[in-house]
C-alpha atoms as a PDB file:
ATOM      1  CA  MET A   1      -8.047 -15.520  21.198  1.00  0.00           C
ATOM      2  CA  THR A   2     -11.288 -17.193  20.175  1.00  0.00           C
ATOM      3  CA  ASN A   3     -12.440 -16.833  16.652  1.00  0.00           C
ATOM      4  CA  ASN A   4     -15.694 -15.119  17.691  1.00  0.00           C
ATOM      5  CA  LYS A   5     -13.972 -12.297  19.431  1.00  0.00           C
ATOM      6  CA  ARG A   6     -13.443  -9.153  17.328  1.00  0.00           C
ATOM      7  CA  VAL A   7      -9.807  -8.008  17.098  1.00  0.00           C
ATOM      8  CA  GLY A   8      -9.305  -4.629  18.803  1.00  0.00           C
ATOM      9  CA  TYR A   9      -7.283  -2.080  16.801  1.00  0.00           C
ATOM     10  CA  ALA A  10      -5.539   1.126  17.697  1.00  0.00           C
ATOM     11  CA  VAL A  11      -5.234   3.478  14.636  1.00  0.00           C
ATOM     12  CA  VAL A  12      -1.885   5.443  14.870  1.00  0.00           C
ATOM     13  CA  GLY A  13      -1.925   8.596  12.758  1.00  0.00           C
ATOM     14  CA  LEU A  14      -5.192  10.528  12.098  1.00  0.00           C
ATOM     15  CA  GLY A  15      -4.447  12.164   8.815  1.00  0.00           C
ATOM     16  CA  ARG A  16      -6.563  12.295   5.629  1.00  0.00           C
ATOM     17  CA  ILE A  17      -6.474   8.505   4.870  1.00  0.00           C
ATOM     18  CA  SER A  18      -7.622   7.642   8.356  1.00  0.00           C
ATOM     19  CA  GLN A  19     -10.439  10.074   8.466  1.00  0.00           C
ATOM     20  CA  MET A  20     -11.730   9.306   4.955  1.00  0.00           C
ATOM     21  CA  ALA A  21     -11.277   5.503   4.984  1.00  0.00           C
ATOM     22  CA  VAL A  22      -9.624   3.685   7.808  1.00  0.00           C
ATOM     23  CA  LEU A  23     -11.761   4.866  10.835  1.00  0.00           C
ATOM     24  CA  PRO A  24     -15.078   4.713   8.908  1.00  0.00           C
ATOM     25  CA  ALA A  25     -14.216   1.118   7.798  1.00  0.00           C
ATOM     26  CA  PHE A  26     -14.657  -0.186  11.369  1.00  0.00           C
ATOM     27  CA  ARG A  27     -18.357   0.495  11.014  1.00  0.00           C
ATOM     28  CA  HIS A  28     -18.538  -2.132   8.223  1.00  0.00           C
ATOM     29  CA  SER A  29     -16.106  -4.580   9.641  1.00  0.00           C
ATOM     30  CA  LYS A  30     -17.141  -8.018  10.773  1.00  0.00           C
ATOM     31  CA  LYS A  31     -14.081  -9.042  12.767  1.00  0.00           C
ATOM     32  CA  ALA A  32     -12.417  -5.804  13.826  1.00  0.00           C
ATOM     33  CA  LYS A  33     -13.299  -3.109  16.322  1.00  0.00           C
ATOM     34  CA  LEU A  34     -11.826   0.366  16.872  1.00  0.00           C
ATOM     35  CA  VAL A  35     -10.467   0.445  20.399  1.00  0.00           C
ATOM     36  CA  ALA A  36      -8.052   3.475  20.405  1.00  0.00           C
ATOM     37  CA  VAL A  37      -6.724   6.344  18.295  1.00  0.00           C
ATOM     38  CA  VAL A  38      -3.269   8.006  18.481  1.00  0.00           C
ATOM     39  CA  SER A  39      -2.460  11.526  17.233  1.00  0.00           C
ATOM     40  CA  GLY A  40      -0.101  14.395  17.813  1.00  0.00           C
ATOM     41  CA  ASP A  41      -3.055  16.431  18.800  1.00  0.00           C
ATOM     42  CA  LEU A  42      -5.041  15.151  21.803  1.00  0.00           C
ATOM     43  CA  LYS A  43      -8.013  17.263  21.119  1.00  0.00           C
ATOM     44  CA  LYS A  44      -8.116  15.848  17.599  1.00  0.00           C
ATOM     45  CA  ALA A  45      -7.782  12.288  18.920  1.00  0.00           C
ATOM     46  CA  LYS A  46     -10.547  12.683  21.416  1.00  0.00           C
ATOM     47  CA  ARG A  47     -12.834  14.350  18.767  1.00  0.00           C
ATOM     48  CA  LEU A  48     -12.203  11.539  16.211  1.00  0.00           C
ATOM     49  CA  GLY A  49     -12.238   8.827  18.793  1.00  0.00           C
ATOM     50  CA  ALA A  50     -15.643   9.966  19.972  1.00  0.00           C
ATOM     51  CA  ARG A  51     -16.959  10.278  16.377  1.00  0.00           C
ATOM     52  CA  PHE A  52     -15.837   6.814  15.394  1.00  0.00           C
ATOM     53  CA  GLY A  53     -16.451   4.917  18.632  1.00  0.00           C
ATOM     54  CA  ALA A  54     -12.978   4.559  20.091  1.00  0.00           C
ATOM     55  CA  SER A  55     -12.874   4.105  23.883  1.00  0.00           C
ATOM     56  CA  ALA A  56      -9.487   5.561  24.226  1.00  0.00           C
ATOM     57  CA  SER A  57      -7.463   8.391  22.849  1.00  0.00           C
ATOM     58  CA  TYR A  58      -3.709   9.087  23.170  1.00  0.00           C
ATOM     59  CA  THR A  59      -0.961  11.415  21.822  1.00  0.00           C
ATOM     60  CA  TYR A  60       2.213  10.128  20.235  1.00  0.00           C
ATOM     61  CA  ASP A  61       3.963  10.695  23.564  1.00  0.00           C
ATOM     62  CA  GLU A  62       1.497   8.293  25.147  1.00  0.00           C
ATOM     63  CA  TYR A  63       1.942   5.572  22.513  1.00  0.00           C
ATOM     64  CA  ASP A  64       3.425   3.173  25.101  1.00  0.00           C
ATOM     65  CA  ARG A  65       0.344   3.633  27.278  1.00  0.00           C
ATOM     66  CA  CYS A  66      -1.700   2.744  24.237  1.00  0.00           C
ATOM     67  CA  LEU A  67       0.222  -0.442  23.685  1.00  0.00           C
ATOM     68  CA  GLU A  68      -0.375  -1.439  27.244  1.00  0.00           C
ATOM     69  CA  ASN A  69      -4.120  -1.197  26.805  1.00  0.00           C
ATOM     70  CA  PRO A  70      -5.258  -4.846  27.104  1.00  0.00           C
ATOM     71  CA  GLU A  71      -8.010  -4.190  24.591  1.00  0.00           C
ATOM     72  CA  VAL A  72      -5.462  -3.361  21.886  1.00  0.00           C
ATOM     73  CA  ASP A  73      -4.636  -6.452  19.848  1.00  0.00           C
ATOM     74  CA  ALA A  74      -3.262  -4.824  16.833  1.00  0.00           C
ATOM     75  CA  VAL A  75      -2.238  -1.404  15.476  1.00  0.00           C
ATOM     76  CA  PHE A  76      -2.958   0.199  12.166  1.00  0.00           C
ATOM     77  CA  ILE A  77       0.074   2.410  11.321  1.00  0.00           C
ATOM     78  CA  ALA A  78      -1.147   5.412   9.190  1.00  0.00           C
ATOM     79  CA  THR A  79       1.541   7.928  10.090  1.00  0.00           C
ATOM     80  CA  ASP A  80       3.982   9.449   7.582  1.00  0.00           C
ATOM     81  CA  ASN A  81       6.312   7.052   5.858  1.00  0.00           C
ATOM     82  CA  GLY A  82       9.349   8.196   7.990  1.00  0.00           C
ATOM     83  CA  THR A  83       7.866   6.900  11.179  1.00  0.00           C
ATOM     84  CA  HIS A  84       6.351   3.547  10.024  1.00  0.00           C
ATOM     85  CA  ALA A  85       9.373   1.542  11.211  1.00  0.00           C
ATOM     86  CA  GLN A  86       9.592   3.035  14.691  1.00  0.00           C
ATOM     87  CA  TYR A  87       5.871   2.684  15.454  1.00  0.00           C
ATOM     88  CA  SER A  88       5.679  -0.844  14.048  1.00  0.00           C
ATOM     89  CA  VAL A  89       8.759  -1.985  15.962  1.00  0.00           C
ATOM     90  CA  ARG A  90       7.526  -0.532  19.253  1.00  0.00           C
ATOM     91  CA  ALA A  91       4.110  -2.189  18.662  1.00  0.00           C
ATOM     92  CA  ALA A  92       5.802  -5.673  18.015  1.00  0.00           C
ATOM     93  CA  GLU A  93       8.007  -5.355  21.107  1.00  0.00           C
ATOM     94  CA  ALA A  94       4.791  -4.810  23.074  1.00  0.00           C
ATOM     95  CA  GLY A  95       3.342  -7.984  21.645  1.00  0.00           C
ATOM     96  CA  ARG A  96       0.815  -6.180  19.256  1.00  0.00           C
ATOM     97  CA  HIS A  97       0.248  -7.267  15.732  1.00  0.00           C
ATOM     98  CA  VAL A  98       0.950  -4.676  12.964  1.00  0.00           C
ATOM     99  CA  LEU A  99      -0.941  -3.566   9.899  1.00  0.00           C
ATOM    100  CA  CYS A 100       1.163  -0.803   8.254  1.00  0.00           C
ATOM    101  CA  GLU A 101       0.136   1.439   5.413  1.00  0.00           C
ATOM    102  CA  LYS A 102       2.084   1.426   2.286  1.00  0.00           C
ATOM    103  CA  PRO A 103       4.947   1.960   1.446  1.00  0.00           C
ATOM    104  CA  MET A 104       6.140  -0.282   4.284  1.00  0.00           C
ATOM    105  CA  ALA A 105       9.084   2.030   5.059  1.00  0.00           C
ATOM    106  CA  ARG A 106      11.541   4.455   3.391  1.00  0.00           C
ATOM    107  CA  THR A 107      14.481   2.012   3.214  1.00  0.00           C
ATOM    108  CA  THR A 108      15.130  -1.765   3.044  1.00  0.00           C
ATOM    109  CA  ASP A 109      16.938  -1.564   6.439  1.00  0.00           C
ATOM    110  CA  GLU A 110      13.856  -0.093   7.994  1.00  0.00           C
ATOM    111  CA  CYS A 111      11.718  -2.899   6.507  1.00  0.00           C
ATOM    112  CA  ARG A 112      14.104  -5.512   7.844  1.00  0.00           C
ATOM    113  CA  GLN A 113      13.820  -3.964  11.264  1.00  0.00           C
ATOM    114  CA  MET A 114      10.095  -4.386  11.180  1.00  0.00           C
ATOM    115  CA  ILE A 115      10.172  -7.847   9.901  1.00  0.00           C
ATOM    116  CA  GLY A 116      12.769  -8.837  12.582  1.00  0.00           C
ATOM    117  CA  ALA A 117      10.927  -7.366  15.461  1.00  0.00           C
ATOM    118  CA  CYS A 118       7.662  -9.034  14.430  1.00  0.00           C
ATOM    119  CA  ARG A 119       9.288 -12.340  13.937  1.00  0.00           C
ATOM    120  CA  GLU A 120      11.107 -12.141  17.261  1.00  0.00           C
ATOM    121  CA  LYS A 121       7.928 -11.412  19.208  1.00  0.00           C
ATOM    122  CA  LYS A 122       5.886 -13.758  17.134  1.00  0.00           C
ATOM    123  CA  VAL A 123       3.239 -11.259  16.051  1.00  0.00           C
ATOM    124  CA  ARG A 124       1.702 -10.859  12.509  1.00  0.00           C
ATOM    125  CA  LEU A 125       2.872  -8.170  10.108  1.00  0.00           C
ATOM    126  CA  MET A 126       0.753  -7.224   7.140  1.00  0.00           C
ATOM    127  CA  ILE A 127       1.175  -4.281   4.607  1.00  0.00           C
ATOM    128  CA  ALA A 128      -1.955  -2.398   3.703  1.00  0.00           C
ATOM    129  CA  TYR A 129      -2.459  -3.381   0.050  1.00  0.00           C
ATOM    130  CA  ARG A 130      -6.195  -3.330  -0.720  1.00  0.00           C
ATOM    131  CA  LYS A 131      -5.776  -4.965  -4.052  1.00  0.00           C
ATOM    132  CA  TYR A 132      -5.346  -8.455  -2.491  1.00  0.00           C
ATOM    133  CA  PHE A 133      -8.930  -8.411  -1.273  1.00  0.00           C
ATOM    134  CA  GLU A 134     -10.750  -6.147  -3.803  1.00  0.00           C
ATOM    135  CA  PRO A 135     -13.193  -7.999  -6.219  1.00  0.00           C
ATOM    136  CA  ALA A 136     -12.215  -6.369  -9.487  1.00  0.00           C
ATOM    137  CA  SER A 137      -8.579  -6.986  -8.970  1.00  0.00           C
ATOM    138  CA  LEU A 138      -9.163 -10.579  -7.824  1.00  0.00           C
ATOM    139  CA  ALA A 139     -11.219 -11.079 -11.084  1.00  0.00           C
ATOM    140  CA  LEU A 140      -8.291  -9.783 -13.247  1.00  0.00           C
ATOM    141  CA  LYS A 141      -5.851 -11.913 -11.377  1.00  0.00           C
ATOM    142  CA  LYS A 142      -8.088 -14.972 -12.048  1.00  0.00           C
ATOM    143  CA  LEU A 143      -7.928 -14.174 -15.720  1.00  0.00           C
ATOM    144  CA  VAL A 144      -4.158 -13.969 -15.765  1.00  0.00           C
ATOM    145  CA  THR A 145      -3.628 -17.010 -13.471  1.00  0.00           C
ATOM    146  CA  ALA A 146      -5.915 -19.176 -15.515  1.00  0.00           C
ATOM    147  CA  GLY A 147      -4.140 -18.346 -18.702  1.00  0.00           C
ATOM    148  CA  LYS A 148      -7.122 -16.688 -20.290  1.00  0.00           C
ATOM    149  CA  ILE A 149      -5.080 -13.786 -21.692  1.00  0.00           C
ATOM    150  CA  GLY A 150      -2.154 -16.172 -22.611  1.00  0.00           C
ATOM    151  CA  ARG A 151       1.519 -15.489 -22.108  1.00  0.00           C
ATOM    152  CA  LEU A 152       1.867 -11.885 -20.962  1.00  0.00           C
ATOM    153  CA  LYS A 153       3.949  -9.553 -23.089  1.00  0.00           C
ATOM    154  CA  LEU A 154       3.324  -6.085 -21.940  1.00  0.00           C
ATOM    155  CA  ILE A 155       1.666  -4.300 -18.888  1.00  0.00           C
ATOM    156  CA  HIS A 156       0.953  -0.642 -18.852  1.00  0.00           C
ATOM    157  CA  SER A 157      -0.109   1.218 -15.603  1.00  0.00           C
ATOM    158  CA  ALA A 158      -0.356   4.666 -14.120  1.00  0.00           C
ATOM    159  CA  PHE A 159      -1.496   6.455 -10.970  1.00  0.00           C
ATOM    160  CA  THR A 160      -1.718  10.252 -10.893  1.00  0.00           C
ATOM    161  CA  ILE A 161      -3.055  12.797  -8.471  1.00  0.00           C
ATOM    162  CA  PHE A 162      -2.876  16.559  -8.463  1.00  0.00           C
ATOM    163  CA  LEU A 163      -1.372  18.074  -5.462  1.00  0.00           C
ATOM    164  CA  ALA A 164      -2.600  21.674  -6.137  1.00  0.00           C
ATOM    165  CA  PRO A 165      -0.362  24.465  -4.768  1.00  0.00           C
ATOM    166  CA  ARG A 166      -3.167  26.216  -2.961  1.00  0.00           C
ATOM    167  CA  LYS A 167      -4.604  23.166  -1.376  1.00  0.00           C
ATOM    168  CA  ASN A 168      -3.786  22.034   2.187  1.00  0.00           C
ATOM    169  CA  VAL A 169      -1.336  19.317   1.271  1.00  0.00           C
ATOM    170  CA  PRO A 170       0.369  17.745   4.332  1.00  0.00           C
ATOM    171  CA  ALA A 171       3.988  18.979   4.329  1.00  0.00           C
ATOM    172  CA  TRP A 172       5.465  15.503   4.816  1.00  0.00           C
ATOM    173  CA  HIS A 173       4.539  14.541   1.270  1.00  0.00           C
ATOM    174  CA  LEU A 174       7.196  17.004  -0.055  1.00  0.00           C
ATOM    175  CA  ASP A 175       9.737  16.191   2.630  1.00  0.00           C
ATOM    176  CA  PRO A 176      12.220  13.512   1.610  1.00  0.00           C
ATOM    177  CA  VAL A 177      12.979  12.629   5.165  1.00  0.00           C
ATOM    178  CA  ALA A 178       9.376  12.134   6.205  1.00  0.00           C
ATOM    179  CA  SER A 179       8.182  10.488   2.918  1.00  0.00           C
ATOM    180  CA  GLY A 180      11.257   8.734   1.445  1.00  0.00           C
ATOM    181  CA  GLY A 181      10.251   9.959  -1.983  1.00  0.00           C
ATOM    182  CA  GLY A 182       7.569  11.587  -4.158  1.00  0.00           C
ATOM    183  CA  SER A 183       4.937  10.276  -6.451  1.00  0.00           C
ATOM    184  CA  LEU A 184       6.543   6.851  -6.783  1.00  0.00           C
ATOM    185  CA  VAL A 185       6.355   5.874  -3.188  1.00  0.00           C
ATOM    186  CA  ASP A 186       2.969   7.564  -2.632  1.00  0.00           C
ATOM    187  CA  VAL A 187       0.953   6.268  -5.691  1.00  0.00           C
ATOM    188  CA  GLY A 188       3.479   4.497  -7.971  1.00  0.00           C
ATOM    189  CA  VAL A 189       3.814   1.802  -5.368  1.00  0.00           C
ATOM    190  CA  TYR A 190       0.347   0.610  -6.327  1.00  0.00           C
ATOM    191  CA  CYS A 191       1.604  -0.093  -9.758  1.00  0.00           C
ATOM    192  CA  VAL A 192       4.677  -1.879  -8.501  1.00  0.00           C
ATOM    193  CA  ASN A 193       2.881  -4.092  -5.964  1.00  0.00           C
ATOM    194  CA  THR A 194      -0.193  -4.929  -8.083  1.00  0.00           C
ATOM    195  CA  ILE A 195       1.850  -5.995 -11.025  1.00  0.00           C
ATOM    196  CA  ARG A 196       4.102  -8.226  -8.976  1.00  0.00           C
ATOM    197  CA  TRP A 197       1.107  -9.748  -7.291  1.00  0.00           C
ATOM    198  CA  LEU A 198      -0.865 -10.062 -10.523  1.00  0.00           C
ATOM    199  CA  THR A 199       1.908 -11.835 -12.379  1.00  0.00           C
ATOM    200  CA  GLY A 200       3.488 -13.797  -9.529  1.00  0.00           C
ATOM    201  CA  LYS A 201       6.800 -12.761 -11.012  1.00  0.00           C
ATOM    202  CA  GLU A 202       9.613 -10.492  -9.725  1.00  0.00           C
ATOM    203  CA  PRO A 203      11.302  -7.785 -11.909  1.00  0.00           C
ATOM    204  CA  VAL A 204      14.902  -8.208 -12.715  1.00  0.00           C
ATOM    205  CA  GLU A 205      15.818  -4.717 -14.043  1.00  0.00           C
ATOM    206  CA  ALA A 206      14.515  -1.206 -13.812  1.00  0.00           C
ATOM    207  CA  SER A 207      14.963   1.956 -15.886  1.00  0.00           C
ATOM    208  CA  ALA A 208      13.344   5.341 -15.060  1.00  0.00           C
ATOM    209  CA  TYR A 209      13.107   9.093 -15.712  1.00  0.00           C
ATOM    210  CA  SER A 210      11.819  11.615 -13.087  1.00  0.00           C
ATOM    211  CA  TRP A 211      10.985  15.182 -13.422  1.00  0.00           C
ATOM    212  CA  SER A 212       9.329  18.145 -11.971  1.00  0.00           C
ATOM    213  CA  THR A 213       7.667  21.225 -13.383  1.00  0.00           C
ATOM    214  CA  ASP A 214       7.367  23.092 -10.123  1.00  0.00           C
ATOM    215  CA  HIS A 215      10.886  23.067  -8.936  1.00  0.00           C
ATOM    216  CA  SER A 216      10.224  25.227  -5.889  1.00  0.00           C
ATOM    217  CA  ARG A 217       7.620  22.864  -4.392  1.00  0.00           C
ATOM    218  CA  PHE A 218       9.331  19.586  -5.579  1.00  0.00           C
ATOM    219  CA  SER A 219      12.919  20.376  -4.679  1.00  0.00           C
ATOM    220  CA  GLY A 220      13.264  17.324  -2.452  1.00  0.00           C
ATOM    221  CA  VAL A 221      11.010  14.739  -4.051  1.00  0.00           C
ATOM    222  CA  GLU A 222       9.924  14.006  -7.617  1.00  0.00           C
ATOM    223  CA  GLU A 223       6.657  15.409  -8.931  1.00  0.00           C
ATOM    224  CA  SER A 224       6.466  12.739 -11.684  1.00  0.00           C
ATOM    225  CA  ILE A 225       8.311   9.658 -12.715  1.00  0.00           C
ATOM    226  CA  ALA A 226       8.054   7.075 -15.553  1.00  0.00           C
ATOM    227  CA  PHE A 227       9.662   3.725 -15.282  1.00  0.00           C
ATOM    228  CA  GLN A 228      10.056   0.386 -16.917  1.00  0.00           C
ATOM    229  CA  LEU A 229      10.451  -2.985 -15.339  1.00  0.00           C
ATOM    230  CA  LYS A 230      11.774  -6.099 -17.131  1.00  0.00           C
ATOM    231  CA  PHE A 231      10.335  -9.430 -15.818  1.00  0.00           C
ATOM    232  CA  PRO A 232      11.273 -12.943 -16.676  1.00  0.00           C
ATOM    233  CA  ASP A 233       9.837 -14.551 -19.924  1.00  0.00           C
ATOM    234  CA  ALA A 234      10.225 -11.323 -21.848  1.00  0.00           C
ATOM    235  CA  LEU A 235       7.487  -9.374 -19.964  1.00  0.00           C
ATOM    236  CA  LEU A 236       7.979  -5.637 -19.978  1.00  0.00           C
ATOM    237  CA  VAL A 237       6.091  -3.180 -17.710  1.00  0.00           C
ATOM    238  CA  GLN A 238       5.739   0.567 -18.505  1.00  0.00           C
ATOM    239  CA  ALA A 239       4.329   2.684 -15.676  1.00  0.00           C
ATOM    240  CA  SER A 240       4.011   6.215 -14.526  1.00  0.00           C
ATOM    241  CA  ALA A 241       3.193   8.104 -11.327  1.00  0.00           C
ATOM    242  CA  SER A 242       2.646  11.876 -10.754  1.00  0.00           C
ATOM    243  CA  PHE A 243       1.629  14.551  -8.281  1.00  0.00           C
ATOM    244  CA  GLY A 244       0.974  16.915 -11.115  1.00  0.00           C
ATOM    245  CA  ALA A 245      -1.860  15.481 -13.074  1.00  0.00           C
ATOM    246  CA  ALA A 246      -5.559  15.036 -12.405  1.00  0.00           C
ATOM    247  CA  GLN A 247      -6.458  11.836 -10.528  1.00  0.00           C
ATOM    248  CA  ALA A 248      -6.481   8.892 -12.876  1.00  0.00           C
ATOM    249  CA  ASN A 249      -5.375   5.232 -12.481  1.00  0.00           C
ATOM    250  CA  PHE A 250      -5.334   2.192 -14.827  1.00  0.00           C
ATOM    251  CA  LEU A 251      -3.817  -1.164 -15.319  1.00  0.00           C
ATOM    252  CA  LYS A 252      -3.795  -2.812 -18.830  1.00  0.00           C
ATOM    253  CA  VAL A 253      -2.448  -6.256 -19.466  1.00  0.00           C
ATOM    254  CA  PHE A 254      -1.487  -7.661 -22.942  1.00  0.00           C
ATOM    255  CA  GLY A 255      -1.102 -11.288 -23.726  1.00  0.00           C
ATOM    256  CA  GLU A 256      -0.925 -13.589 -26.738  1.00  0.00           C
ATOM    257  CA  LYS A 257      -4.698 -14.366 -26.482  1.00  0.00           C
ATOM    258  CA  GLY A 258      -6.002 -10.917 -25.661  1.00  0.00           C
ATOM    259  CA  TRP A 259      -5.847  -7.925 -23.331  1.00  0.00           C
ATOM    260  CA  ALA A 260      -7.732  -6.772 -20.258  1.00  0.00           C
ATOM    261  CA  ALA A 261      -7.834  -3.457 -18.513  1.00  0.00           C
ATOM    262  CA  LEU A 262      -8.958  -2.256 -15.039  1.00  0.00           C
ATOM    263  CA  ASP A 263      -9.923   1.492 -14.971  1.00  0.00           C
ATOM    264  CA  PRO A 264      -9.982   2.909 -12.504  1.00  0.00           C
ATOM    265  CA  ALA A 265      -7.553   0.483 -10.983  1.00  0.00           C
ATOM    266  CA  PHE A 266      -6.482   1.836  -7.539  1.00  0.00           C
ATOM    267  CA  ALA A 267      -8.913   4.502  -6.256  1.00  0.00           C
ATOM    268  CA  PHE A 268     -11.084   3.216  -3.542  1.00  0.00           C
ATOM    269  CA  ASP A 269     -14.094   5.537  -4.021  1.00  0.00           C
ATOM    270  CA  GLU A 270     -14.980   4.878  -7.653  1.00  0.00           C
ATOM    271  CA  GLU A 271     -16.895   2.178  -9.548  1.00  0.00           C
ATOM    272  CA  ARG A 272     -14.445  -0.165 -11.383  1.00  0.00           C
ATOM    273  CA  ARG A 273     -14.579  -1.432 -14.884  1.00  0.00           C
ATOM    274  CA  LEU A 274     -12.804  -4.540 -15.969  1.00  0.00           C
ATOM    275  CA  PHE A 275     -12.984  -4.931 -19.750  1.00  0.00           C
ATOM    276  CA  GLY A 276     -10.979  -6.179 -22.697  1.00  0.00           C
ATOM    277  CA  LYS A 277     -10.963  -8.565 -25.630  1.00  0.00           C
ATOM    278  CA  ILE A 278      -9.930 -12.179 -25.386  1.00  0.00           C
ATOM    279  CA  ASN A 279      -9.813 -14.503 -28.450  1.00  0.00           C
ATOM    280  CA  GLY A 280     -11.614 -11.740 -30.296  1.00  0.00           C
ATOM    281  CA  ARG A 281     -14.480 -11.590 -27.898  1.00  0.00           C
ATOM    282  CA  TRP A 282     -15.271  -8.314 -25.980  1.00  0.00           C
ATOM    283  CA  PHE A 283     -16.090  -8.582 -22.315  1.00  0.00           C
ATOM    284  CA  GLU A 284     -16.911  -5.909 -19.674  1.00  0.00           C
ATOM    285  CA  LYS A 285     -18.002  -6.123 -16.078  1.00  0.00           C
ATOM    286  CA  ARG A 286     -18.550  -3.330 -13.510  1.00  0.00           C
ATOM    287  CA  PHE A 287     -17.813  -3.527  -9.798  1.00  0.00           C
ATOM    288  CA  ARG A 288     -19.718  -1.229  -7.460  1.00  0.00           C
ATOM    289  CA  VAL A 289     -17.963   0.751  -4.780  1.00  0.00           C
ATOM    290  CA  ILE A 290     -17.479  -1.152  -1.603  1.00  0.00           C
ATOM    291  CA  ASP A 291     -15.498  -0.588   1.647  1.00  0.00           C
ATOM    292  CA  GLU A 292     -12.092  -1.963   0.698  1.00  0.00           C
ATOM    293  CA  PHE A 293     -10.608  -0.897   4.041  1.00  0.00           C
ATOM    294  CA  ALA A 294     -13.061  -3.051   5.951  1.00  0.00           C
ATOM    295  CA  LEU A 295     -12.024  -6.031   3.813  1.00  0.00           C
ATOM    296  CA  GLU A 296      -8.441  -5.289   4.681  1.00  0.00           C
ATOM    297  CA  LEU A 297      -9.165  -4.990   8.497  1.00  0.00           C
ATOM    298  CA  ASP A 298     -11.103  -8.178   8.398  1.00  0.00           C
ATOM    299  CA  ALA A 299      -8.476 -10.129   6.511  1.00  0.00           C
ATOM    300  CA  PHE A 300      -5.765  -9.131   8.983  1.00  0.00           C
ATOM    301  CA  ALA A 301      -8.070  -9.950  11.892  1.00  0.00           C
ATOM    302  CA  ASP A 302      -8.856 -13.296  10.521  1.00  0.00           C
ATOM    303  CA  CYS A 303      -5.044 -14.063  10.210  1.00  0.00           C
ATOM    304  CA  ILE A 304      -4.615 -12.993  13.937  1.00  0.00           C
ATOM    305  CA  GLN A 305      -7.665 -15.224  14.967  1.00  0.00           C
ATOM    306  CA  ARG A 306      -6.468 -18.238  12.993  1.00  0.00           C
ATOM    307  CA  ARG A 307      -2.825 -17.704  13.856  1.00  0.00           C
ATOM    308  CA  ARG A 308      -1.728 -17.732  10.221  1.00  0.00           C
ATOM    309  CA  ASP A 309       0.664 -15.420   8.179  1.00  0.00           C
ATOM    310  CA  PRO A 310      -1.011 -12.696   6.309  1.00  0.00           C
ATOM    311  CA  GLU A 311      -0.791 -11.933   2.556  1.00  0.00           C
ATOM    312  CA  PRO A 312       0.633  -9.403   1.782  1.00  0.00           C
ATOM    313  CA  ASP A 313       3.257  -9.774   4.482  1.00  0.00           C
ATOM    314  CA  GLY A 314       6.368  -7.889   5.404  1.00  0.00           C
ATOM    315  CA  LEU A 315       8.523  -9.589   2.737  1.00  0.00           C
ATOM    316  CA  GLU A 316       6.101  -8.334   0.079  1.00  0.00           C
ATOM    317  CA  GLY A 317       6.510  -4.799   1.393  1.00  0.00           C
ATOM    318  CA  LEU A 318      10.275  -5.180   1.518  1.00  0.00           C
ATOM    319  CA  ARG A 319      10.285  -6.449  -2.152  1.00  0.00           C
ATOM    320  CA  ASP A 320       8.400  -3.257  -3.220  1.00  0.00           C
ATOM    321  CA  VAL A 321      10.857  -1.118  -1.433  1.00  0.00           C
ATOM    322  CA  VAL A 322      13.774  -2.971  -3.138  1.00  0.00           C
ATOM    323  CA  THR A 323      12.120  -2.426  -6.475  1.00  0.00           C
ATOM    324  CA  MET A 324      11.445   1.376  -5.872  1.00  0.00           C
ATOM    325  CA  GLN A 325      14.995   1.866  -4.677  1.00  0.00           C
ATOM    326  CA  ALA A 326      16.229   0.330  -8.065  1.00  0.00           C
ATOM    327  CA  ILE A 327      13.833   2.656  -9.925  1.00  0.00           C
ATOM    328  CA  TYR A 328      15.199   5.677  -8.037  1.00  0.00           C
ATOM    329  CA  GLU A 329      18.817   4.582  -8.832  1.00  0.00           C
ATOM    330  CA  ALA A 330      17.957   4.078 -12.518  1.00  0.00           C
ATOM    331  CA  ALA A 331      16.438   7.646 -12.667  1.00  0.00           C
ATOM    332  CA  ARG A 332      19.657   9.020 -11.099  1.00  0.00           C
ATOM    333  CA  GLU A 333      22.024   7.003 -13.335  1.00  0.00           C
ATOM    334  CA  GLY A 334      20.117   7.155 -16.520  1.00  0.00           C
ATOM    335  CA  GLY A 335      20.418   3.431 -17.387  1.00  0.00           C
ATOM    336  CA  TRP A 336      19.126   0.014 -16.454  1.00  0.00           C
ATOM    337  CA  VAL A 337      19.680  -1.148 -12.973  1.00  0.00           C
ATOM    338  CA  PRO A 338      19.468  -4.783 -11.808  1.00  0.00           C
ATOM    339  CA  ILE A 339      17.211  -5.528  -8.998  1.00  0.00           C
ATOM    340  CA  ASP A 340      18.509  -7.866  -6.464  1.00  0.00           C
ATOM    341  CA  PHE A 341      15.980 -10.260  -4.612  1.00  0.00           C
ATOM    342  CA  SER A 342      18.612 -12.668  -3.420  1.00  0.00           C
ATOM    343  CA  GLU A 343      18.510 -13.938   0.148  1.00  0.00           C
ATOM    344  CA  ASP A 344      21.463 -11.620   1.059  1.00  0.00           C
ATOM    345  CA  ALA A 345      19.581  -8.598  -0.360  1.00  0.00           C
ATOM    346  CA  LEU A 346      16.418  -9.494   1.466  1.00  0.00           C
END
């Protein structure tokens, strides 16, 4: 593939995130183009394909035909969490590169299947974490990496959304088989991944408490969860995720020289503020809303064009799943649980 050719994508799964963000992002992309869409409803696929400029539309039953389309270089997997692994593995086996929504999969075994299939077929695998490319998060990471805040001591973070009972919430969010979990895997994963990326460190222990106030709706997955992660060098993280509170998200980092906060931290459709106090001096910077999904599409397309491994790759997605499984175990057991990142565990 030449560097001036746009990478052709098929978007698999046409739910809310695809309609609101992924499909529109191709209009702002510089290196990617929408070639095909895949849905369980052919009429829906054709309607959205025509709206966003896809030349081909398929059902899930026709997925293999989609993968045989010579214009499809890569797939963007935006199905429910329970099918990430199967659609990713099938794409890899067909020689197609894979960009998969977070969380990477429900279990570590599924993550390993995805990594193995992509390695075997020598295709690229990236997990769709927008924070790696978004300017406000990059600015915060630069402060941390440069030592401006000093040695980190505490990090607080939260991501909440309100899944109102009367709203049309996709059923898979509340199904443990389809989702692999509740608020932790849906929105808490942003806290887990961003903190790991921001610090460049891996957590060593987890503790957690999960609860639900609406037991009839949240019988299979948690409505809310609060967790702590211990990192090397005496760094402690406290974070929360919930389906039962109004949308809010923040990240606040405390160090020996000062503190910095990103609020909102994770939502893609709000202006961001990075502010804090370092060495006694207040600072604040605002970041306008941009198309973060277009940045993500282009970053993966660039990796494909240049034949280089993406960041974040499948191992990053796997490490997040390892961390979240430890958090869930801690919530069940009621104590601190070690997090195993050894070669055997990964």
